[in-house]
Amino acid sequence: MFDACDFSNTEWINSSFHRVIFKNCHLTGINFADSYLNHCQFINCTMPYISFNFSKICLTHFFLVIYYHLNFLILIGNNLN
């Protein structure tokens, strides 16, 4: 679990996340392009200008997040909440 972390403007291209919880995190401008997110949770996070281009997202949940200008180009996923 990442709690109250600031990962703003980081590049996580072609990364894999399994059962990761981001709680109270600042994720402004993160690039998750070509990544795989499985059973992840974003709880009370600030997520403007985040990119999930060409990512595979499965069973990932977003709770109480602040987001705008999200980029989901050719998103492959299921059970997104």
Protein backbone atom coordinates (compact mmCIF):
# COMPACT_ATOMS: atom_id res chain seq x y z
CA MET A 1 0.00 0.00 0.00
CA PHE A 2 1.15 3.49 -0.88
CA ASP A 3 -0.34 5.96 1.63
CA ALA A 4 0.01 9.75 1.28
CA CYS A 5 2.75 9.47 -1.36
CA ASP A 6 3.47 12.06 -4.04
CA PHE A 7 4.19 10.37 -7.36
CA SER A 8 3.40 13.44 -9.47
CA ASN A 9 4.83 13.47 -13.01
CA THR A 10 6.41 10.02 -12.81
CA GLU A 11 6.69 7.62 -15.76
CA TRP A 12 5.47 4.09 -15.10
CA ILE A 13 5.36 3.03 -18.74
CA ASN A 14 5.08 -0.71 -19.39
CA SER A 15 4.78 -1.46 -15.65
CA SER A 16 2.79 -4.12 -13.87
CA PHE A 17 0.77 -3.61 -10.68
CA HIS A 18 -1.00 -6.45 -8.89
CA ARG A 19 -3.05 -5.87 -5.71
CA VAL A 20 -1.66 -2.38 -5.15
CA ILE A 21 -3.52 0.22 -3.10
CA PHE A 22 -2.90 3.92 -3.66
CA LYS A 23 -4.47 5.81 -0.74
CA ASN A 24 -4.42 9.61 -0.27
CA CYS A 25 -1.78 9.90 -3.00
CA HIS A 26 -0.98 12.76 -5.37
CA LEU A 27 -0.77 11.23 -8.85
CA THR A 28 -0.80 14.34 -11.05
CA GLY A 29 0.49 13.68 -14.56
CA ILE A 30 1.47 10.02 -14.06
CA ASN A 31 1.95 8.04 -17.24
CA PHE A 32 0.74 4.43 -16.96
CA ALA A 33 0.97 3.84 -20.74
CA ASP A 34 1.17 0.19 -21.81
CA SER A 35 0.85 -0.92 -18.19
CA TYR A 36 -1.08 -3.72 -16.52
CA LEU A 37 -3.15 -2.98 -13.41
CA ASN A 38 -4.86 -5.95 -11.78
CA HIS A 39 -6.92 -5.79 -8.55
CA CYS A 40 -5.70 -2.27 -7.74
CA GLN A 41 -7.46 0.43 -5.73
CA PHE A 42 -7.19 4.20 -5.91
CA ILE A 43 -8.68 5.66 -2.72
CA ASN A 44 -9.02 9.41 -2.10
CA CYS A 45 -6.31 10.25 -4.65
CA THR A 46 -5.72 13.38 -6.71
CA MET A 47 -5.27 12.22 -10.31
CA PRO A 48 -5.42 15.06 -12.87
CA TYR A 49 -3.72 14.62 -16.25
CA ILE A 50 -3.10 10.90 -15.75
CA SER A 51 -2.63 8.63 -18.77
CA PHE A 52 -3.65 4.99 -19.14
CA ASN A 53 -2.99 4.78 -22.91
CA PHE A 54 -2.94 1.20 -24.19
CA SER A 55 -3.09 -0.16 -20.63
CA LYS A 56 -4.86 -3.29 -19.50
CA ILE A 57 -6.89 -2.62 -16.36
CA CYS A 58 -8.72 -5.48 -14.64
CA LEU A 59 -10.76 -5.38 -11.44
CA THR A 60 -9.41 -1.94 -10.53
CA HIS A 61 -11.50 0.43 -8.42
CA PHE A 62 -11.48 4.21 -8.05
CA PHE A 63 -13.00 5.54 -4.79
CA LEU A 64 -13.38 9.25 -3.94
CA VAL A 65 -10.76 10.34 -6.47
CA ILE A 66 -10.31 13.79 -7.94
CA TYR A 67 -9.58 13.43 -11.63
CA TYR A 68 -9.90 15.36 -14.86
CA HIS A 69 -8.20 15.25 -18.23
CA LEU A 70 -7.76 11.47 -18.02
CA ASN A 71 -6.52 9.72 -21.11
CA PHE A 72 -7.84 6.19 -21.71
CA LEU A 73 -6.89 5.70 -25.37
CA ILE A 74 -7.68 2.11 -26.41
CA LEU A 75 -8.23 0.97 -22.84
CA ILE A 76 -8.63 -2.75 -22.38
CA GLY A 77 -10.34 -3.67 -19.15
CA ASN A 78 -13.23 -5.19 -17.35
CA ASN A 79 -15.04 -4.65 -14.08
CA LEU A 80 -13.96 -1.02 -13.75
CA ASN A 81 -15.77 0.78 -10.90
